[in-house]
């Protein structure tokens, strides 16, 4: 039996990314920038954060090609002499086209990584520096954290849409996610439960 890659296994993640892109493109600039409180992120800020954080996770386990993306980030020197970046310094929060491109580009990169990963490769480890020392972390943990991160913040976008009275996005209802699946026969459908 041919082993499937992680892109095939986690196909719904791609759909989640597309739902975020569709939501960003369906609203006005004012709706994109609206915040429920001054110290909270807007939909645009959350979308930017989702895309940028993917790069942070991929850079930790040194996937090929991540350097091209990291070079686009606004790096700055920290007090301890190290280099870091903050996604809030990427000036695209109010630009649906730039946000969509950033979400698409980082997802395309994520998809390439997922295509290269078999279930067996998920258990490979890599060093992850922490305040208490370097830990050997499995690739599986990193993929799960990225998946969790995208879905958590996608939920925040859904909530912000709802708070603004915007309804009907796939983040809220998932109607188009089912279109790729065949309709069940009436007998089979009645036994589902």
Protein backbone atom coordinates (compact mmCIF):
# COMPACT_ATOMS: atom_id res chain seq x y z
CA UNK A 1 0.00 0.00 0.00
CA UNK A 2 1.36 3.41 -0.96
CA UNK A 3 1.95 5.71 1.99
CA UNK A 4 0.15 9.03 1.81
CA UNK A 5 1.95 12.28 2.51
CA UNK A 6 0.87 14.76 5.15
CA UNK A 7 -0.58 17.20 2.60
CA UNK A 8 -3.14 14.55 1.63
CA UNK A 9 -3.84 13.61 5.23
CA UNK A 10 -4.30 17.22 6.37
CA UNK A 11 -6.19 18.45 3.29
CA UNK A 12 -8.74 20.32 5.40
CA UNK A 13 -5.97 22.66 6.54
CA UNK A 14 -5.63 23.94 2.96
CA UNK A 15 -9.37 24.59 2.93
CA UNK A 16 -9.10 26.51 6.21
CA UNK A 17 -6.40 28.72 4.68
CA UNK A 18 -8.58 29.39 1.64
CA UNK A 19 -11.52 30.27 3.90
CA UNK A 20 -9.36 32.86 5.67
CA UNK A 21 -8.28 34.31 2.31
CA UNK A 22 -11.89 34.43 1.12
CA UNK A 23 -12.98 36.17 4.34
CA UNK A 24 -10.21 38.78 4.02
CA UNK A 25 -11.17 39.48 0.41
CA UNK A 26 -14.93 39.75 1.12
CA UNK A 27 -14.81 42.64 3.58
CA UNK A 28 -14.10 46.34 3.47
CA UNK A 29 -10.88 47.97 4.69
CA UNK A 30 -12.77 49.28 7.72
CA UNK A 31 -14.03 45.80 8.58
CA UNK A 32 -10.54 44.38 8.08
CA UNK A 33 -9.10 46.90 10.58
CA UNK A 34 -11.94 46.85 13.14
CA UNK A 35 -10.93 45.79 16.65
CA UNK A 36 -13.24 44.91 19.54
CA UNK A 37 -10.85 46.81 21.85
CA UNK A 38 -7.75 48.94 21.27
CA UNK A 39 -5.37 46.29 22.63
CA UNK A 40 -6.78 43.51 20.42
CA UNK A 41 -5.85 42.44 16.90
CA UNK A 42 -7.99 43.20 13.87
CA UNK A 43 -8.91 40.60 11.24
CA UNK A 44 -6.04 41.94 9.12
CA UNK A 45 -3.66 41.70 12.06
CA UNK A 46 -4.71 38.12 12.78
CA UNK A 47 -4.38 37.06 9.13
CA UNK A 48 -0.89 38.59 8.98
CA UNK A 49 0.02 36.81 12.24
CA UNK A 50 -1.14 33.43 10.91
CA UNK A 51 1.03 33.69 7.80
CA UNK A 52 4.10 35.05 9.58
CA UNK A 53 3.99 32.48 12.37
CA UNK A 54 4.11 29.63 9.83
CA UNK A 55 7.52 30.92 8.81
CA UNK A 56 8.65 31.02 12.41
CA UNK A 57 7.75 27.37 12.91
CA UNK A 58 9.37 26.27 9.64
CA UNK A 59 12.53 28.22 10.40
CA UNK A 60 12.90 26.35 13.70
CA UNK A 61 13.30 23.01 11.98
CA UNK A 62 15.30 24.36 9.07
CA UNK A 63 13.17 23.37 6.10
CA UNK A 64 14.72 24.05 2.69
CA UNK A 65 13.73 27.36 1.12
CA UNK A 66 12.53 29.06 4.31
CA UNK A 67 15.42 31.53 4.03
CA UNK A 68 13.77 33.16 1.00
CA UNK A 69 10.70 33.93 3.09
CA UNK A 70 12.62 34.93 6.20
CA UNK A 71 14.58 37.48 4.15
CA UNK A 72 11.28 39.36 3.58
CA UNK A 73 10.69 39.88 7.32
CA UNK A 74 11.56 43.12 9.14
CA UNK A 75 14.47 41.86 11.24
CA UNK A 76 15.78 44.00 14.09
CA UNK A 77 18.54 43.64 16.62
CA UNK A 78 17.43 42.77 20.14
CA UNK A 79 19.12 44.09 23.34
CA UNK A 80 21.01 40.81 23.73
CA UNK A 81 22.46 41.16 20.20
CA UNK A 82 20.24 38.48 18.63
CA UNK A 83 18.02 39.11 15.63
CA UNK A 84 14.23 38.85 15.83
CA UNK A 85 11.12 40.13 14.08
CA UNK A 86 7.57 41.01 15.04
CA UNK A 87 4.72 40.34 12.64
CA UNK A 88 3.18 43.69 13.69
CA UNK A 89 6.05 45.34 11.77
CA UNK A 90 4.86 43.85 8.46
CA UNK A 91 2.74 46.70 7.04
CA UNK A 92 -0.04 44.72 5.33
CA UNK A 93 -2.79 44.66 7.97
CA UNK A 94 -5.05 46.95 5.91
CA UNK A 95 -4.32 45.49 2.46
CA UNK A 96 -6.53 42.52 1.44
CA UNK A 97 -4.45 41.77 -1.67
CA UNK A 98 -1.16 41.73 0.26
CA UNK A 99 -2.69 39.65 3.08
CA UNK A 100 -4.10 37.17 0.56
CA UNK A 101 -0.74 36.91 -1.20
CA UNK A 102 1.08 36.42 2.12
CA UNK A 103 -1.40 33.73 3.23
CA UNK A 104 -1.14 32.02 -0.19
CA UNK A 105 2.64 32.18 -0.35
CA UNK A 106 3.19 30.85 3.16
CA UNK A 107 0.58 28.15 2.57
CA UNK A 108 2.23 27.11 -0.71
CA UNK A 109 5.47 26.71 1.21
CA UNK A 110 3.69 24.77 3.99
CA UNK A 111 2.10 22.49 1.41
CA UNK A 112 5.51 21.68 -0.09
CA UNK A 113 6.77 20.75 3.35
CA UNK A 114 3.71 18.60 4.04
CA UNK A 115 4.15 16.82 0.68
CA UNK A 116 7.69 15.90 1.71
CA UNK A 117 6.57 14.38 4.99
CA UNK A 118 5.40 10.82 5.40
CA UNK A 119 3.88 9.59 8.64
CA UNK A 120 7.23 7.99 9.49
CA UNK A 121 9.12 11.30 9.02
CA UNK A 122 6.85 12.97 11.58
CA UNK A 123 8.83 11.25 14.30
CA UNK A 124 12.18 12.71 13.22
CA UNK A 125 13.43 15.22 15.78
CA UNK A 126 15.30 18.49 15.58
CA UNK A 127 16.80 20.80 18.22
CA UNK A 128 14.54 23.56 19.58
CA UNK A 129 16.24 26.07 21.90
CA UNK A 130 14.26 27.05 25.00
CA UNK A 131 15.03 29.10 28.11
CA UNK A 132 15.74 25.86 30.00
CA UNK A 133 17.98 24.36 27.32
CA UNK A 134 17.68 22.81 23.87
CA UNK A 135 15.07 20.10 23.46
CA UNK A 136 14.80 17.43 20.76
CA UNK A 137 11.34 18.08 19.32
CA UNK A 138 9.53 15.80 16.84
CA UNK A 139 8.36 17.25 13.52
CA UNK A 140 4.89 15.97 14.47
CA UNK A 141 4.76 18.38 17.41
CA UNK A 142 5.63 21.32 15.16
CA UNK A 143 3.05 20.42 12.52
CA UNK A 144 0.40 20.01 15.22
CA UNK A 145 1.27 23.40 16.76
CA UNK A 146 1.02 25.08 13.35
CA UNK A 147 -2.32 23.40 12.64
CA UNK A 148 -3.62 24.40 16.06
CA UNK A 149 -2.34 27.96 15.58
CA UNK A 150 -4.05 28.39 12.18
CA UNK A 151 -7.37 26.99 13.37
CA UNK A 152 -7.32 28.92 16.66
CA UNK A 153 -6.77 32.24 14.92
CA UNK A 154 -9.20 31.33 12.13
CA UNK A 155 -11.79 31.02 14.90
CA UNK A 156 -10.86 34.51 16.09
CA UNK A 157 -11.43 35.85 12.59
CA UNK A 158 -14.82 34.12 12.50
CA UNK A 159 -15.71 35.73 15.84
CA UNK A 160 -14.65 39.20 14.65
CA UNK A 161 -16.74 38.76 11.51
CA UNK A 162 -19.74 37.84 13.66
CA UNK A 163 -19.19 40.76 16.04
CA UNK A 164 -19.38 43.06 13.03
CA UNK A 165 -22.59 41.41 11.79
CA UNK A 166 -20.85 39.78 8.83
CA UNK A 167 -22.26 36.32 8.18
CA UNK A 168 -21.89 33.57 5.62
CA UNK A 169 -18.14 33.09 5.35
CA UNK A 170 -16.82 29.53 5.09
CA UNK A 171 -15.06 30.11 8.41
CA UNK A 172 -18.51 30.28 9.99
CA UNK A 173 -20.45 27.67 8.00
CA UNK A 174 -18.13 25.47 5.83
CA UNK A 175 -20.68 25.01 2.98
CA UNK A 176 -18.16 24.85 0.13
CA UNK A 177 -15.87 22.44 1.98
CA UNK A 178 -18.37 19.64 1.37
CA UNK A 179 -18.79 20.21 -2.38
CA UNK A 180 -15.87 17.97 -3.29
CA UNK A 181 -17.52 14.93 -1.68
CA UNK A 182 -20.12 12.82 -3.45
CA UNK A 183 -23.68 12.90 -2.19
CA UNK A 184 -24.63 9.84 -0.18
CA UNK A 185 -27.31 7.47 -1.38
CA UNK A 186 -30.58 8.11 0.50
CA UNK A 187 -30.41 4.70 2.26
CA UNK A 188 -26.82 5.24 3.36
CA UNK A 189 -27.57 8.81 4.44
CA UNK A 190 -30.46 7.76 6.72
CA UNK A 191 -28.22 5.33 8.65
CA UNK A 192 -25.54 7.94 9.35
CA UNK A 193 -25.63 9.33 12.77
